Amino acid sequence: MLPRPLPFAFALAVTLAAAAAQEVRAFVGARILPIDGPAVDDGVLVVRGAVIEAIGARAAVVIPAGAEVVDVAGRTLMPGLVCSHSHIGAVAGADGSGPIQPEVRALDSINPRDPGIQKAQAGGITTVNVMPGSGHLLSGQTVYLKLRDGRTVDDLLIRNADGSPAGGIKLANGTNPQRDAPFPGTRGKAAALIRAQFHRAREHQRKIAAAAGDPAKLPERNLGLEALVEALEGRRMVHHHTHRADDILTVLRLREEFGFRCVLHHVSEGGLVAAEIAAAGVPCSVIVIDAPGGKLEARNLSLDTGAVLDRAGVPVGFHTDDGITDSRLFLRSGALAVRAGMDRDRALAALTIANARMLDLEQRIGTLTPGKDADFVVLGGDPFSVYTQVLQTWVEGVKVFDLADPKDRRFAMGGYGASDDQALSLCCYGQGGQ
């Protein structure tokens, strides 16, 4: 049977969409910071549809015939920033019914119209790991989002090869999850509860393997244990909130015992156990706060944590923890780390490719490499200058922020309506903070 012809209007729309997807733009004249190579002065970045096609000096890159030439002379162009720990989108995870809730998905609570998303675009952020809060030992599954302009959260999702939403799982220790039973009251009890839950997940994993695909032998569905099995099998990254040096080492012990892959988040006292973290080969997502305070266990937070960990051989990224620090000022995290002694190129990597690796997305984002997603930022000057503004943010070849647009400028600069409907995660207020 011959296929039925498409309605003309639909066929035309499909044709136009396909043509738009292959639009070619050449951004010419900027100082380009590819991250995976040296800076290119008077550079050219060629974007075809959603993908980077070429990058190099003007004399070395052939601009395709018919390409739209975008003059960015005098500007700086670098990959879109990647935030490995954010709470934008009015996200909320587990509730007060218990300390361990791996079945809860951040995806199911995100408001794609939350102004925090536009503010992150205004800060040059193009990819985020949206996390539920840290008031639980395990507050749920995180979700990795591209900050496209979308109507629904599905429009922002990054998907795995099988079509499932990409994300990790959020754990926490220290004072945040400590409160009245059934929550733990001590650090030792917190570790015991998590250890017992991972043993349950191991047993569930064993039963699934023993069933060998026979539906009659499979254990009863358990969404929480299934998520932890994914962590045990390395298919879901464990993102672990931890501050004090002893808490950091507790996470490393659990990781050694159960073999899950892990990123340590915040690590206020990471510098005190840098050798141990490096020996474990575990990356750190560091928060940089220029006015530390708010909780006793973070009193030793230092601006040089990134530098100390990096020199010890620990892979280092930065994060906003938005709204603890403002996504619009994410570049400042790298600048403060450089001021405290971190190598400049390593700090730039910590805002981009290092975080991409923590999200298992390094093949798609984090550098301006041909074949990767066309996620990039146009800056008014040096990334670490206090005078530099984010002028434009592009996600997969589509401009999602333009400082010259009054609507977008409102999100970048603030003012009436810029925070309408914005909500922060309130998971931990009264329980020790974020």
Protein backbone atom coordinates (compact mmCIF):
# COMPACT_ATOMS: atom_id res chain seq x y z
CA MET A 1 0.00 0.00 0.00
CA LEU A 2 1.34 3.43 -0.93
CA PRO A 3 1.71 5.91 1.95
CA ARG A 4 -0.95 8.58 2.14
CA PRO A 5 0.37 12.00 1.08
CA LEU A 6 0.94 14.50 3.87
CA PRO A 7 -1.38 17.53 3.99
CA PHE A 8 0.29 20.42 2.17
CA ALA A 9 0.46 22.69 5.22
CA PHE A 10 2.03 19.95 7.34
CA ALA A 11 4.49 19.01 4.63
CA LEU A 12 5.50 22.66 4.23
CA ALA A 13 6.02 22.99 8.00
CA VAL A 14 8.21 19.89 8.04
CA THR A 15 10.24 21.22 5.12
CA LEU A 16 10.73 24.61 6.76
CA ALA A 17 11.72 23.01 10.07
CA ALA A 18 14.29 20.83 8.30
CA ALA A 19 15.69 23.87 6.50
CA ALA A 20 15.93 25.82 9.78
CA ALA A 21 17.72 22.91 11.40
CA GLN A 22 20.44 23.22 8.75
CA GLU A 23 20.88 27.00 8.99
CA VAL A 24 24.56 27.89 8.89
CA ARG A 25 26.03 30.79 10.86
CA ALA A 26 29.62 31.94 11.06
CA PHE A 27 30.56 33.96 14.15
CA VAL A 28 33.55 36.01 13.06
CA GLY A 29 36.17 38.14 14.78
CA ALA A 30 35.89 37.15 18.44
CA ARG A 31 38.60 35.93 20.76
CA ILE A 32 37.52 32.29 21.07
CA LEU A 33 38.20 30.20 24.17
CA PRO A 34 37.58 26.60 23.04
CA ILE A 35 38.64 25.18 26.47
CA ASP A 36 40.16 22.06 24.89
CA GLY A 37 42.87 24.12 23.15
CA PRO A 38 44.58 27.51 23.15
CA ALA A 39 42.66 30.73 22.70
CA VAL A 40 42.08 31.83 19.10
CA ASP A 41 42.32 35.55 18.33
CA ASP A 42 40.24 36.87 15.45
CA GLY A 43 38.54 33.50 15.34
CA VAL A 44 35.66 31.95 13.46
CA LEU A 45 33.03 29.57 14.83
CA VAL A 46 30.84 27.88 12.23
CA VAL A 47 27.53 26.44 13.42
CA ARG A 48 25.34 24.25 11.23
CA GLY A 49 21.92 23.75 12.76
CA ALA A 50 22.44 22.60 16.34
CA VAL A 51 26.05 21.47 15.92
CA ILE A 52 29.49 23.07 15.79
CA GLU A 53 30.95 22.50 12.35
CA ALA A 54 34.30 24.31 12.46
CA ILE A 55 36.45 26.53 14.64
CA GLY A 56 39.75 28.30 14.10
CA ALA A 57 41.54 31.45 13.06
CA ARG A 58 39.88 33.53 10.36
CA ALA A 59 42.64 32.69 7.90
CA ALA A 60 42.23 28.96 8.47
CA VAL A 61 38.45 28.48 8.38
CA VAL A 62 36.47 28.43 5.16
CA ILE A 63 33.07 29.99 5.74
CA PRO A 64 30.44 27.94 3.87
CA ALA A 65 28.71 29.64 0.96
CA GLY A 66 25.41 31.16 1.99
CA ALA A 67 26.23 31.19 5.70
CA GLU A 68 24.93 34.06 7.80
CA VAL A 69 27.98 35.97 9.00
CA VAL A 70 27.65 37.31 12.56
CA ASP A 71 30.19 40.00 13.46
CA VAL A 72 31.44 39.45 17.02
CA ALA A 73 34.67 41.41 16.70
CA GLY A 74 35.97 42.63 20.03
CA ARG A 75 33.94 40.03 21.92
CA THR A 76 34.92 36.83 23.71
CA LEU A 77 33.25 33.56 22.76
CA MET A 78 33.38 30.44 24.93
CA PRO A 79 31.34 27.26 25.54
CA GLY A 80 28.07 27.53 27.38
CA LEU A 81 28.55 27.25 31.13
CA VAL A 82 27.57 24.01 32.85
CA CYS A 83 26.22 24.15 36.40
CA SER A 84 26.60 20.80 38.14
CA HIS A 85 24.34 21.71 41.08
CA SER A 86 21.31 23.99 40.79
CA HIS A 87 17.82 24.33 42.24
CA ILE A 88 16.19 26.45 39.54
CA GLY A 89 12.75 25.57 38.23
CA ALA A 90 11.07 25.68 41.67
CA VAL A 91 12.28 22.11 42.13
CA ALA A 92 11.23 20.06 45.16
CA GLY A 93 11.94 16.43 45.91
CA ALA A 94 11.28 14.21 48.91
CA ASP A 95 8.84 15.14 51.69
CA GLY A 96 8.80 14.69 55.46
CA SER A 97 7.62 11.07 55.38
CA GLY A 98 11.12 9.62 55.57
CA PRO A 99 14.82 10.30 55.11
CA ILE A 100 15.40 8.06 52.06
CA GLN A 101 13.19 8.48 48.98
CA PRO A 102 15.05 7.40 45.80
CA GLU A 103 11.81 6.94 43.85
CA VAL A 104 11.12 10.71 43.85
CA ARG A 105 12.04 12.52 40.63
CA ALA A 106 13.01 16.19 40.46
CA LEU A 107 11.63 16.07 36.92
CA ASP A 108 8.08 15.84 38.25
CA SER A 109 8.29 19.11 40.19
CA ILE A 110 10.02 21.49 37.77
CA ASN A 111 8.19 24.56 36.50
CA PRO A 112 9.66 25.41 33.07
CA ARG A 113 8.25 28.93 33.37
CA ASP A 114 10.21 29.66 36.54
CA PRO A 115 12.19 32.91 35.96
CA GLY A 116 15.25 31.25 37.47
CA ILE A 117 15.69 29.48 34.14
CA GLN A 118 15.83 32.77 32.23
CA LYS A 119 18.21 34.22 34.82
CA ALA A 120 20.51 31.24 34.33
CA GLN A 121 20.46 31.86 30.58
CA ALA A 122 21.36 35.48 31.33
CA GLY A 123 24.39 34.18 33.22
CA GLY A 124 25.59 32.16 30.23
CA ILE A 125 24.50 28.81 31.66
CA THR A 126 23.29 26.36 29.04
CA THR A 127 23.18 23.04 30.95
CA VAL A 128 22.20 22.34 34.56
CA ASN A 129 21.94 19.47 36.98
CA VAL A 130 18.71 20.32 38.81
CA MET A 131 18.81 18.77 42.27
CA PRO A 132 16.24 18.26 44.99
CA GLY A 133 17.36 19.65 48.32
CA SER A 134 19.66 18.26 50.99
CA GLY A 135 17.28 17.96 53.94
CA HIS A 136 17.18 14.20 53.40
CA LEU A 137 19.77 11.46 53.29
CA LEU A 138 18.45 10.72 49.81
CA SER A 139 16.03 13.27 48.39
CA GLY A 140 15.48 11.83 44.93
CA GLN A 141 16.63 11.67 41.35
CA THR A 142 18.22 14.72 39.76
CA VAL A 143 17.58 15.75 36.16
CA TYR A 144 19.95 17.19 33.55
CA LEU A 145 18.42 20.01 31.52
CA LYS A 146 19.42 22.04 28.49
CA LEU A 147 18.22 25.60 29.01
CA ARG A 148 16.35 25.78 25.74
CA ASP A 149 13.30 28.01 25.48
CA GLY A 150 10.45 25.57 26.03
CA ARG A 151 6.85 25.37 27.12
CA THR A 152 7.15 22.12 29.05
CA VAL A 153 9.90 20.44 31.01
CA ASP A 154 10.10 17.82 28.25
CA ASP A 155 11.37 20.57 25.95
CA LEU A 156 14.37 21.01 28.26
CA LEU A 157 15.24 17.38 28.96
CA ILE A 158 18.53 15.77 28.05
CA ARG A 159 17.75 12.16 27.24
CA ASN A 160 19.76 8.99 27.46
CA ALA A 161 20.24 6.75 24.45
CA ASP A 162 17.14 4.76 25.44
CA GLY A 163 15.01 7.91 25.60
CA SER A 164 14.83 8.11 29.39
CA PRO A 165 15.55 11.44 31.13
CA ALA A 166 19.23 11.84 32.00
CA GLY A 167 20.07 12.50 35.64
CA GLY A 168 21.77 11.33 38.78
CA ILE A 169 20.64 10.76 42.36
CA LYS A 170 21.02 13.17 45.30
CA LEU A 171 22.42 12.12 48.69
CA ALA A 172 23.46 14.25 51.64
CA ASN A 173 25.15 13.91 55.00
CA GLY A 174 26.20 16.25 57.78
CA THR A 175 23.70 18.36 59.68
CA ASN A 176 21.13 18.95 56.94
CA PRO A 177 19.35 15.58 57.20
CA GLN A 178 19.62 15.38 61.01
CA ARG A 179 16.32 15.80 62.88
CA ASP A 180 13.73 13.80 64.78
CA ALA A 181 13.04 10.16 63.90
CA PRO A 182 12.56 8.62 61.39
CA PHE A 183 15.34 10.94 60.27
CA PRO A 184 18.81 10.31 61.75
CA GLY A 185 19.93 12.21 64.82
CA THR A 186 23.65 11.54 64.43
CA ARG A 187 26.21 11.16 61.66
CA GLY A 188 26.71 7.49 62.53
CA LYS A 189 23.01 6.72 62.21
CA ALA A 190 22.86 8.59 58.90
CA ALA A 191 25.60 6.40 57.43
CA ALA A 192 23.96 3.26 58.84
CA LEU A 193 20.62 4.06 57.19
CA ILE A 194 22.22 4.68 53.80
CA ARG A 195 24.36 1.54 54.10
CA ALA A 196 21.27 -0.58 54.85
CA GLN A 197 19.42 0.88 51.87
CA PHE A 198 22.28 0.09 49.50
CA HIS A 199 22.32 -3.50 50.81
CA ARG A 200 18.61 -3.75 50.00
CA ALA A 201 19.39 -2.46 46.51
CA ARG A 202 22.14 -5.07 46.13
CA GLU A 203 19.69 -7.83 47.04
CA HIS A 204 17.16 -6.46 44.56
CA GLN A 205 19.90 -6.40 41.92
CA ARG A 206 20.77 -10.03 42.71
CA LYS A 207 17.13 -11.13 42.34
CA ILE A 208 16.82 -9.37 38.98
CA ALA A 209 19.99 -11.08 37.75
CA ALA A 210 18.80 -14.48 39.01
CA ALA A 211 15.50 -14.11 37.16
CA ALA A 212 17.45 -14.01 33.87
CA GLY A 213 14.63 -12.17 32.15
CA ASP A 214 11.87 -14.56 33.24
CA PRO A 215 8.88 -12.36 34.23
CA ALA A 216 7.62 -15.00 36.63
CA LYS A 217 10.86 -14.88 38.61
CA LEU A 218 11.40 -11.15 38.67
CA PRO A 219 11.01 -9.43 42.05
CA GLU A 220 8.11 -7.08 42.62
CA ARG A 221 8.65 -3.64 41.14
CA ASN A 222 10.29 -1.21 43.56
CA LEU A 223 10.97 2.18 41.98
CA GLY A 224 13.32 3.32 44.74
CA LEU A 225 15.48 0.20 44.70
CA GLU A 226 15.55 0.23 40.90
CA ALA A 227 17.00 3.75 40.97
CA LEU A 228 19.68 2.62 43.42
CA VAL A 229 20.47 -0.42 41.28
CA GLU A 230 21.15 2.02 38.44
CA ALA A 231 23.62 3.76 40.77
CA LEU A 232 25.24 0.45 41.76
CA GLU A 233 25.66 -0.42 38.09
CA GLY A 234 27.20 2.96 37.25
CA ARG A 235 24.27 4.08 35.11
CA ARG A 236 23.26 6.86 37.49
CA MET A 237 25.79 9.21 39.12
CA VAL A 238 25.55 9.74 42.88
CA HIS A 239 25.69 13.50 43.59
CA HIS A 240 26.54 13.80 47.28
CA HIS A 241 26.16 16.95 49.38
CA THR A 242 28.92 16.99 52.00
CA HIS A 243 30.87 19.71 53.85
CA ARG A 244 33.05 18.59 56.75
CA ALA A 245 36.22 16.58 56.21
CA ASP A 246 34.92 13.63 58.26
CA ASP A 247 31.66 13.62 56.27
CA ILE A 248 33.63 13.61 53.02
CA LEU A 249 35.56 10.55 54.15
CA THR A 250 32.32 8.80 55.11
CA VAL A 251 31.11 9.22 51.52
CA LEU A 252 34.38 7.80 50.21
CA ARG A 253 34.01 4.78 52.52
CA LEU A 254 30.49 4.12 51.26
CA ARG A 255 31.65 4.50 47.68
CA GLU A 256 34.46 2.00 48.26
CA GLU A 257 32.05 -0.44 49.87
CA PHE A 258 29.36 -0.33 47.19
CA GLY A 259 31.29 0.73 44.09
CA PHE A 260 28.99 3.52 42.94
CA ARG A 261 30.29 6.47 40.93
CA CYS A 262 30.17 9.70 42.86
CA VAL A 263 30.63 13.48 42.72
CA LEU A 264 31.28 15.28 46.00
CA HIS A 265 29.35 18.55 46.23
CA HIS A 266 30.25 21.70 48.20
CA VAL A 267 33.26 20.16 50.06
CA SER A 268 33.82 23.15 52.35
CA GLU A 269 36.67 21.27 54.06
CA GLY A 270 37.80 19.44 50.94
CA GLY A 271 41.24 20.97 51.18
CA LEU A 272 41.84 19.18 54.48
CA VAL A 273 41.43 15.75 52.82
CA ALA A 274 42.56 16.58 49.29
CA ALA A 275 45.02 13.66 49.19
CA GLU A 276 42.32 11.17 50.14
CA ILE A 277 39.88 12.54 47.55
CA ALA A 278 42.57 12.42 44.86
CA ALA A 279 43.50 8.84 45.77
CA ALA A 280 39.85 7.84 45.39
CA GLY A 281 39.69 9.50 41.96
CA VAL A 282 36.43 11.27 42.86
CA PRO A 283 35.58 14.67 41.31
CA CYS A 284 34.42 17.63 43.39
CA SER A 285 31.76 20.18 42.52
CA VAL A 286 32.81 23.17 44.61
CA ILE A 287 30.69 26.09 45.72
CA VAL A 288 32.46 29.47 45.82
CA ILE A 289 30.89 31.94 48.22
CA ASP A 290 32.53 35.31 48.75
CA ALA A 291 30.83 35.81 52.13
CA PRO A 292 30.88 32.41 53.90
CA GLY A 293 28.50 31.76 56.74
CA GLY A 294 25.09 30.35 57.47
CA LYS A 295 26.05 27.00 59.00
CA LEU A 296 28.65 25.78 61.44
CA GLU A 297 29.90 22.88 59.33
CA ALA A 298 30.75 25.28 56.50
CA ARG A 299 32.78 27.64 58.67
CA ASN A 300 36.05 26.45 57.09
CA LEU A 301 34.85 27.13 53.55
CA SER A 302 37.69 28.83 51.70
CA LEU A 303 38.10 30.54 48.36
CA ASP A 304 41.22 28.47 47.71
CA THR A 305 39.46 25.09 47.89
CA GLY A 306 39.37 24.77 44.11
CA ALA A 307 43.06 25.56 43.83
CA VAL A 308 44.08 23.15 46.61
CA LEU A 309 42.03 20.28 45.20
CA ASP A 310 43.18 20.95 41.64
CA ARG A 311 46.85 20.93 42.65
CA ALA A 312 46.27 17.63 44.46
CA GLY A 313 44.98 16.09 41.21
CA VAL A 314 41.25 16.17 42.00
CA PRO A 315 38.92 16.95 39.04
CA VAL A 316 37.24 20.22 40.04
CA GLY A 317 34.08 21.91 38.84
CA PHE A 318 32.08 24.82 40.24
CA HIS A 319 28.37 25.18 40.85
CA THR A 320 25.88 27.87 41.78
CA ASP A 321 23.57 26.01 44.19
CA ASP A 322 21.11 28.63 42.91
CA GLY A 323 19.56 30.35 44.86
CA ILE A 324 22.50 30.15 47.32
CA THR A 325 24.56 31.94 44.68
CA ASP A 326 23.04 33.65 41.66
CA SER A 327 23.24 31.89 38.29
CA ARG A 328 23.68 35.29 36.63
CA LEU A 329 27.04 35.61 38.40
CA PHE A 330 28.40 32.11 37.78
CA LEU A 331 31.52 33.39 36.02
CA ARG A 332 32.45 35.08 39.30
CA SER A 333 33.02 31.65 40.88
CA GLY A 334 35.89 31.03 38.50
CA ALA A 335 37.24 34.54 38.95
CA LEU A 336 37.32 34.24 42.75
CA ALA A 337 39.03 30.86 42.49
CA VAL A 338 41.73 32.35 40.24
CA ARG A 339 42.19 35.21 42.68
CA ALA A 340 42.73 32.57 45.39
CA GLY A 341 45.43 30.81 43.37
CA MET A 342 43.74 28.48 40.89
CA ASP A 343 45.19 28.25 37.40
CA ARG A 344 43.12 30.35 35.00
CA ASP A 345 42.66 27.67 32.35
CA ARG A 346 41.69 25.13 35.00
CA ALA A 347 39.11 27.55 36.37
CA LEU A 348 37.60 28.00 32.90
CA ALA A 349 37.46 24.22 32.54
CA ALA A 350 35.78 24.00 35.96
CA LEU A 351 32.89 26.07 34.60
CA THR A 352 32.52 23.97 31.46
CA ILE A 353 34.09 20.62 30.53
CA ALA A 354 34.83 19.48 34.11
CA ASN A 355 31.16 19.81 34.99
CA ALA A 356 30.15 18.17 31.72
CA ARG A 357 32.18 15.11 32.74
CA MET A 358 30.41 14.99 36.11
CA LEU A 359 27.13 14.71 34.21
CA ASP A 360 28.48 12.17 31.67
CA LEU A 361 27.87 14.74 28.93
CA GLU A 362 31.46 15.48 27.86
CA GLN A 363 30.84 14.02 24.39
CA ARG A 364 28.16 16.66 23.75
CA ILE A 365 29.07 19.82 25.65
CA GLY A 366 31.79 21.66 27.57
CA THR A 367 34.16 22.58 24.71
CA LEU A 368 33.87 24.25 21.33
CA THR A 369 34.74 21.09 19.44
CA PRO A 370 33.38 20.30 15.96
CA GLY A 371 30.59 17.76 16.27
CA LYS A 372 29.49 18.92 19.73
CA ASP A 373 26.28 20.81 20.50
CA ALA A 374 26.40 24.47 19.52
CA ASP A 375 26.11 25.77 23.08
CA PHE A 376 28.13 28.94 23.54
CA VAL A 377 28.23 32.36 25.15
CA VAL A 378 29.20 35.74 23.69
CA LEU A 379 30.84 37.93 26.31
CA GLY A 380 31.67 41.63 26.31
CA GLY A 381 35.22 40.99 27.50
CA ASP A 382 37.41 38.68 29.52
CA PRO A 383 35.33 36.03 31.35
CA PHE A 384 36.86 36.92 34.70
CA SER A 385 36.69 40.71 34.46
CA VAL A 386 34.23 42.43 36.77
CA TYR A 387 33.27 44.65 33.85
CA THR A 388 32.31 41.81 31.49
CA GLN A 389 28.67 41.18 30.66
CA VAL A 390 27.03 38.16 29.06
CA LEU A 391 25.78 39.56 25.75
CA GLN A 392 24.25 36.45 24.19
CA THR A 393 23.63 32.82 25.12
CA TRP A 394 23.07 30.16 22.45
CA VAL A 395 21.77 26.63 23.01
CA GLU A 396 22.05 24.12 20.17
CA GLY A 397 22.40 26.92 17.64
CA VAL A 398 19.40 28.89 18.94
CA LYS A 399 19.78 32.24 20.69
CA VAL A 400 18.03 32.02 24.08
CA PHE A 401 19.34 35.24 25.63
CA ASP A 402 20.23 38.62 24.15
CA LEU A 403 21.16 41.52 26.42
CA ALA A 404 20.04 43.93 23.69
CA ASP A 405 16.47 42.58 23.96
CA PRO A 406 14.62 44.54 26.68
CA LYS A 407 12.73 41.42 27.77
CA ASP A 408 15.94 39.46 28.26
CA ARG A 409 17.75 42.42 29.78
CA ARG A 410 15.19 42.51 32.57
CA PHE A 411 16.26 39.02 33.66
CA ALA A 412 19.95 39.95 33.50
CA MET A 413 19.72 43.27 35.33
CA GLY A 414 16.67 42.80 37.58
CA GLY A 415 13.74 45.14 37.92
CA TYR A 416 9.98 44.93 38.06
CA GLY A 417 8.69 41.50 37.06
CA ALA A 418 12.09 39.84 36.77
CA SER A 419 11.36 37.42 39.60
CA ASP A 420 7.62 36.95 39.18
CA ASP A 421 6.65 33.39 40.13
CA GLN A 422 10.21 32.46 41.06
CA ALA A 423 10.33 29.96 43.92
CA LEU A 424 13.31 28.62 45.82
CA SER A 425 13.64 25.13 47.21
CA LEU A 426 12.61 25.33 50.87
CA CYS A 427 13.63 21.78 51.76
CA CYS A 428 16.06 22.65 54.50
CA TYR A 429 14.98 25.92 56.05
CA GLY A 430 14.87 25.37 59.80
CA GLN A 431 16.90 22.18 59.32
CA GLY A 432 20.38 23.56 58.85
CA GLY A 433 20.20 25.34 55.49
CA GLN A 434 21.30 24.25 52.04
